[in-house]
Protein backbone atom coordinates (compact mmCIF):
# COMPACT_ATOMS: atom_id res chain seq x y z
CA MET A 1 9.52 8.94 -7.94
CA SER A 2 8.03 7.88 -4.63
CA ASP A 3 9.20 4.85 -2.18
CA LEU A 4 6.37 2.74 -3.23
CA PRO A 5 7.80 -0.97 -3.15
CA ARG A 6 9.55 0.10 -0.06
CA ALA A 7 5.66 1.20 1.89
CA LEU A 8 4.52 -2.51 -0.18
CA GLN A 9 7.30 -4.26 1.55
CA GLN A 10 6.40 -2.91 5.09
CA ALA A 11 2.67 -3.18 4.68
CA VAL A 12 3.71 -7.01 3.88
CA PHE A 13 6.26 -7.80 6.38
CA ALA A 14 3.00 -5.57 9.21
CA ARG A 15 0.73 -7.57 7.87
CA LEU A 16 2.27 -10.98 8.09
CA GLY A 17 4.08 -9.99 11.46
CA ALA A 18 1.02 -8.97 12.93
CA ASP A 19 -0.59 -12.32 12.63
CA ALA A 20 -1.32 -14.94 15.35
CA ALA A 21 -1.43 -18.36 12.89
CA LEU A 22 1.26 -17.60 11.14
CA ALA A 23 3.11 -16.71 14.12
CA MET A 24 2.43 -20.37 15.31
CA LEU A 25 3.74 -21.74 12.48
CA VAL A 26 7.17 -19.68 12.05
CA GLY A 27 7.09 -17.54 15.52
CA SER A 28 8.48 -14.13 14.85
CA ARG A 29 10.86 -15.85 12.42
CA ILE A 30 9.82 -13.60 8.93
CA TYR A 31 12.67 -12.13 7.21
CA ASP A 32 13.80 -9.38 4.82
CA GLU A 33 17.61 -10.21 5.48
CA VAL A 34 18.20 -13.87 6.63
CA PRO A 35 20.45 -14.17 10.28
CA ARG A 36 23.23 -16.39 10.01
CA ASN A 37 21.67 -18.84 13.10
CA ALA A 38 18.56 -18.80 11.47
CA VAL A 39 15.75 -21.95 12.62
CA CYS A 40 13.63 -22.96 10.50
CA PRO A 41 10.70 -22.88 9.79
CA TYR A 42 10.85 -19.30 8.76
CA VAL A 43 9.66 -17.12 5.55
CA THR A 44 11.79 -14.80 3.57
CA LEU A 45 10.91 -11.81 1.42
CA SER A 46 13.15 -12.77 -1.68
CA GLU A 47 12.37 -10.53 -5.07
CA MET A 48 10.27 -7.67 -5.95
CA ASP A 49 10.22 -6.70 -9.13
CA VAL A 50 9.22 -3.68 -10.12
CA GLN A 51 7.48 -2.41 -13.32
CA ASP A 52 7.19 1.31 -14.13
CA LYS A 53 3.31 2.26 -15.09
CA GLY A 54 3.50 5.83 -14.57
CA THR A 55 1.08 8.42 -15.53
CA LYS A 56 0.85 12.27 -16.09
CA SER A 57 -0.93 12.46 -12.73
CA GLY A 58 1.16 10.05 -10.21
CA ASP A 59 3.59 6.73 -10.06
CA VAL A 60 1.99 3.34 -10.92
CA LEU A 61 4.29 0.34 -10.21
CA GLU A 62 2.86 -2.58 -11.25
CA LEU A 63 4.82 -4.88 -8.63
CA SER A 64 5.69 -8.73 -8.71
CA LEU A 65 6.73 -9.82 -4.73
CA THR A 66 8.27 -13.11 -4.06
CA LEU A 67 8.07 -15.04 -0.68
CA HIS A 68 10.06 -18.04 -0.14
CA VAL A 69 9.32 -20.60 3.04
CA TRP A 70 11.91 -22.58 4.21
CA SER A 71 11.56 -25.83 6.54
CA VAL A 72 13.79 -29.01 7.38
CA GLN A 73 10.42 -30.91 8.59
CA ASN A 74 10.27 -34.02 6.38
CA GLY A 75 7.68 -33.84 4.34
CA MET A 76 5.75 -31.29 2.76
CA LYS A 77 2.96 -30.73 5.48
CA GLU A 78 4.92 -27.77 7.29
CA THR A 79 5.98 -26.22 3.85
CA GLN A 80 2.53 -26.27 2.49
CA GLN A 81 0.64 -25.00 5.51
CA ILE A 82 2.99 -22.21 5.40
CA LEU A 83 2.28 -21.43 1.96
CA SER A 84 -1.38 -21.55 2.60
CA ALA A 85 -1.10 -19.35 5.78
CA LEU A 86 0.66 -16.54 3.59
CA ARG A 87 -2.29 -16.89 0.80
CA ASP A 88 -4.98 -16.15 3.40
CA LEU A 89 -2.77 -13.25 5.05
CA LEU A 90 -1.76 -11.61 1.11
CA HIS A 91 -4.27 -12.85 -1.53
CA ASN A 92 -6.75 -9.93 -1.98
CA ALA A 93 -5.52 -8.84 1.52
CA PRO A 94 -6.72 -4.65 2.09
CA LEU A 95 -3.32 -3.45 2.78
CA THR A 96 -2.44 0.07 4.13
CA LEU A 97 0.87 1.76 2.85
CA SER A 98 2.35 4.72 4.53
CA GLU A 99 2.22 6.44 1.15
CA GLY A 100 0.11 5.34 -2.26
CA PHE A 101 -2.96 2.88 -2.58
CA VAL A 102 -2.76 -0.66 -3.70
CA SER A 103 -4.93 -2.10 -5.60
CA ARG A 104 -5.42 -5.98 -5.59
CA LEU A 105 -2.63 -8.15 -4.23
CA GLN A 106 -3.06 -11.51 -5.96
CA GLU A 107 -1.24 -14.82 -5.60
CA GLU A 108 0.37 -15.66 -8.96
CA MET A 109 1.38 -18.71 -8.26
CA SER A 110 2.60 -21.22 -4.98
CA PHE A 111 4.54 -24.46 -5.01
CA GLY A 112 6.73 -26.63 -2.71
CA ARG A 113 9.81 -28.63 -3.40
CA ARG A 114 12.57 -30.68 -1.37
CA LEU A 115 15.61 -29.48 -1.83
CA ALA A 116 18.64 -31.24 -3.98
CA ASP A 117 20.00 -31.88 0.11
CA GLY A 118 17.14 -33.76 0.65
CA ARG A 119 17.14 -32.01 4.33
CA MET A 120 15.64 -28.81 3.38
CA ARG A 121 12.39 -27.58 1.96
CA GLN A 122 11.27 -24.78 0.26
CA GLY A 123 8.09 -22.96 -0.61
CA ILE A 124 7.82 -20.43 -3.12
CA ALA A 125 4.45 -17.87 -3.44
CA ARG A 126 4.17 -14.85 -5.93
CA TYR A 127 2.20 -12.44 -5.53
CA ARG A 128 1.20 -9.43 -8.14
CA THR A 129 -0.60 -6.18 -7.56
CA VAL A 130 -0.35 -2.25 -8.88
CA VAL A 131 0.79 0.28 -6.16
CA SER A 132 0.13 4.19 -7.34
CA SER A 133 1.05 7.38 -5.32
CA SER A 134 -2.58 8.79 -6.52
């Protein structure tokens, strides 16, 4: 099987990392692995669920990609701004993969919440797509 999930992840990171509006909100703090001394706000790629929908003509995967926003700003404004920027960049985005093709990347849901420590805010956004090798 090809590495379609990794190709999608790379395309998402490239799109997020190249956007000036998102950079104004989080700088270059878009992580797969969060550094120990990470400064808020930042975005992480959290989960990627993969379902094989393969056919005789090639690999077909249905993917669900979850991004998390982390903030310590009072209130939810910063978290919601970052979630909105992610939506603007990813919902129905024409992503180019290093291998394979992506059908429509669609936001399934997003929300923000205050964590129990009362200090940290978390935003969660989930996107779904189908990626194929042919």
